[in-house]
Amino acid sequence: MNNEVQDGVRASQNEKVKGHLVSGKTITPLEALSLYGCLRLGARIWDLRRKHGLPVVTEIVKGEQGKHYAKYSIPQEKPAGIVT
């Protein structure tokens, strides 16, 4: 795969993952693979943080079978004047 095609695939996956996170959802590597065909979610998260300035938060989760994996999210800001 040449660099031009690679950059297009990368940009497309970045936009899909960005849209997912900005909508308030979390995403895991298995979800990214299933939903968007993204094998390297960590690399896409790096792009979103470094190149797009998004405040993506990583939570390490322990799964049912004892395996650890990352779950990514973007903190949702509360509207001004709302107290919870």
C-alpha atoms as a PDB file:
ATOM      1  CA  MET A   1       0.000   0.000   0.000  1.00  0.00           C
ATOM      2  CA  ASN A   2       1.531   3.339  -0.977  1.00  0.00           C
ATOM      3  CA  ASN A   3       1.718   6.317   1.385  1.00  0.00           C
ATOM      4  CA  GLU A   4      -1.116   8.190  -0.355  1.00  0.00           C
ATOM      5  CA  VAL A   5      -3.522   5.284   0.195  1.00  0.00           C
ATOM      6  CA  GLN A   6      -2.270   4.747   3.741  1.00  0.00           C
ATOM      7  CA  ASP A   7      -2.827   8.425   4.585  1.00  0.00           C
ATOM      8  CA  GLY A   8      -6.373   8.254   3.184  1.00  0.00           C
ATOM      9  CA  VAL A   9      -7.236   5.173   5.236  1.00  0.00           C
ATOM     10  CA  ARG A  10      -5.690   6.719   8.335  1.00  0.00           C
ATOM     11  CA  ALA A  11      -7.612   9.991   7.837  1.00  0.00           C
ATOM     12  CA  SER A  12     -10.872   8.116   7.319  1.00  0.00           C
ATOM     13  CA  GLN A  13     -10.395   6.031  10.468  1.00  0.00           C
ATOM     14  CA  ASN A  14      -9.390   9.150  12.424  1.00  0.00           C
ATOM     15  CA  GLU A  15     -12.608  10.881  11.376  1.00  0.00           C
ATOM     16  CA  LYS A  16     -14.753   7.857  12.252  1.00  0.00           C
ATOM     17  CA  VAL A  17     -13.149   7.414  15.683  1.00  0.00           C
ATOM     18  CA  LYS A  18     -13.278  11.180  16.303  1.00  0.00           C
ATOM     19  CA  GLY A  19     -16.988  11.273  15.467  1.00  0.00           C
ATOM     20  CA  HIS A  20     -17.620   8.317  17.757  1.00  0.00           C
ATOM     21  CA  LEU A  21     -15.831   9.947  20.701  1.00  0.00           C
ATOM     22  CA  VAL A  22     -17.206  13.466  20.155  1.00  0.00           C
ATOM     23  CA  SER A  23     -20.746  12.031  20.220  1.00  0.00           C
ATOM     24  CA  GLY A  24     -20.113  11.097  23.875  1.00  0.00           C
ATOM     25  CA  LYS A  25     -19.490   7.384  23.391  1.00  0.00           C
ATOM     26  CA  THR A  26     -16.525   5.363  24.624  1.00  0.00           C
ATOM     27  CA  ILE A  27     -14.550   3.027  22.370  1.00  0.00           C
ATOM     28  CA  THR A  28     -12.339  -0.023  22.906  1.00  0.00           C
ATOM     29  CA  PRO A  29      -9.950  -1.694  20.464  1.00  0.00           C
ATOM     30  CA  LEU A  30     -12.441  -4.516  19.781  1.00  0.00           C
ATOM     31  CA  GLU A  31     -15.236  -2.020  19.100  1.00  0.00           C
ATOM     32  CA  ALA A  32     -12.988  -0.024  16.758  1.00  0.00           C
ATOM     33  CA  LEU A  33     -12.145  -3.182  14.835  1.00  0.00           C
ATOM     34  CA  SER A  34     -15.764  -4.281  14.626  1.00  0.00           C
ATOM     35  CA  LEU A  35     -17.258  -0.880  13.773  1.00  0.00           C
ATOM     36  CA  TYR A  36     -14.566   0.742  11.639  1.00  0.00           C
ATOM     37  CA  GLY A  37     -12.064  -1.975  10.656  1.00  0.00           C
ATOM     38  CA  CYS A  38      -9.434  -0.171  12.742  1.00  0.00           C
ATOM     39  CA  LEU A  39      -6.686  -2.552  13.893  1.00  0.00           C
ATOM     40  CA  ARG A  40      -4.517   0.127  15.547  1.00  0.00           C
ATOM     41  CA  LEU A  41      -6.870   2.185  17.723  1.00  0.00           C
ATOM     42  CA  GLY A  42      -3.976   3.352  19.910  1.00  0.00           C
ATOM     43  CA  ALA A  43      -2.327   4.948  16.867  1.00  0.00           C
ATOM     44  CA  ARG A  44      -5.583   6.676  15.895  1.00  0.00           C
ATOM     45  CA  ILE A  45      -5.954   7.988  19.466  1.00  0.00           C
ATOM     46  CA  TRP A  46      -2.382   9.304  19.296  1.00  0.00           C
ATOM     47  CA  ASP A  47      -3.272  11.150  16.057  1.00  0.00           C
ATOM     48  CA  LEU A  48      -6.407  12.627  17.617  1.00  0.00           C
ATOM     49  CA  ARG A  49      -4.482  13.843  20.667  1.00  0.00           C
ATOM     50  CA  ARG A  50      -1.344  15.150  18.957  1.00  0.00           C
ATOM     51  CA  LYS A  51      -2.594  16.298  15.568  1.00  0.00           C
ATOM     52  CA  HIS A  52      -6.168  17.334  16.407  1.00  0.00           C
ATOM     53  CA  GLY A  53      -5.721  18.445  20.032  1.00  0.00           C
ATOM     54  CA  LEU A  54      -8.566  16.321  21.405  1.00  0.00           C
ATOM     55  CA  PRO A  55      -8.519  15.612  25.170  1.00  0.00           C
ATOM     56  CA  VAL A  56      -8.942  11.836  24.875  1.00  0.00           C
ATOM     57  CA  VAL A  57      -8.905  10.041  28.234  1.00  0.00           C
ATOM     58  CA  THR A  58      -7.685   6.450  28.608  1.00  0.00           C
ATOM     59  CA  GLU A  59      -9.195   4.120  31.182  1.00  0.00           C
ATOM     60  CA  ILE A  60      -7.609   0.697  31.687  1.00  0.00           C
ATOM     61  CA  VAL A  61     -10.368  -1.857  32.236  1.00  0.00           C
ATOM     62  CA  LYS A  62     -10.049  -5.410  33.552  1.00  0.00           C
ATOM     63  CA  GLY A  63     -12.257  -7.720  31.495  1.00  0.00           C
ATOM     64  CA  GLU A  64     -14.296 -10.673  32.666  1.00  0.00           C
ATOM     65  CA  GLN A  65     -11.454 -13.105  32.000  1.00  0.00           C
ATOM     66  CA  GLY A  66      -8.827 -10.992  33.759  1.00  0.00           C
ATOM     67  CA  LYS A  67      -7.383  -9.361  30.619  1.00  0.00           C
ATOM     68  CA  HIS A  68      -6.721  -5.626  30.652  1.00  0.00           C
ATOM     69  CA  TYR A  69      -7.645  -3.321  27.777  1.00  0.00           C
ATOM     70  CA  ALA A  70      -8.009   0.396  27.101  1.00  0.00           C
ATOM     71  CA  LYS A  71     -11.319   2.239  26.903  1.00  0.00           C
ATOM     72  CA  TYR A  72     -11.125   5.734  25.406  1.00  0.00           C
ATOM     73  CA  SER A  73     -13.466   8.692  25.878  1.00  0.00           C
ATOM     74  CA  ILE A  74     -13.654  12.468  25.660  1.00  0.00           C
ATOM     75  CA  PRO A  75     -14.972  14.135  28.820  1.00  0.00           C
ATOM     76  CA  GLN A  76     -18.315  15.813  28.181  1.00  0.00           C
ATOM     77  CA  GLU A  77     -18.520  19.370  29.480  1.00  0.00           C
ATOM     78  CA  LYS A  78     -21.574  20.354  31.490  1.00  0.00           C
ATOM     79  CA  PRO A  79     -23.430  23.466  30.312  1.00  0.00           C
ATOM     80  CA  ALA A  80     -22.656  26.581  32.370  1.00  0.00           C
ATOM     81  CA  GLY A  81     -24.974  27.149  35.314  1.00  0.00           C
ATOM     82  CA  ILE A  82     -25.918  23.466  35.719  1.00  0.00           C
ATOM     83  CA  VAL A  83     -25.135  22.101  39.174  1.00  0.00           C
ATOM     84  CA  THR A  84     -25.309  18.363  39.861  1.00  0.00           C
END
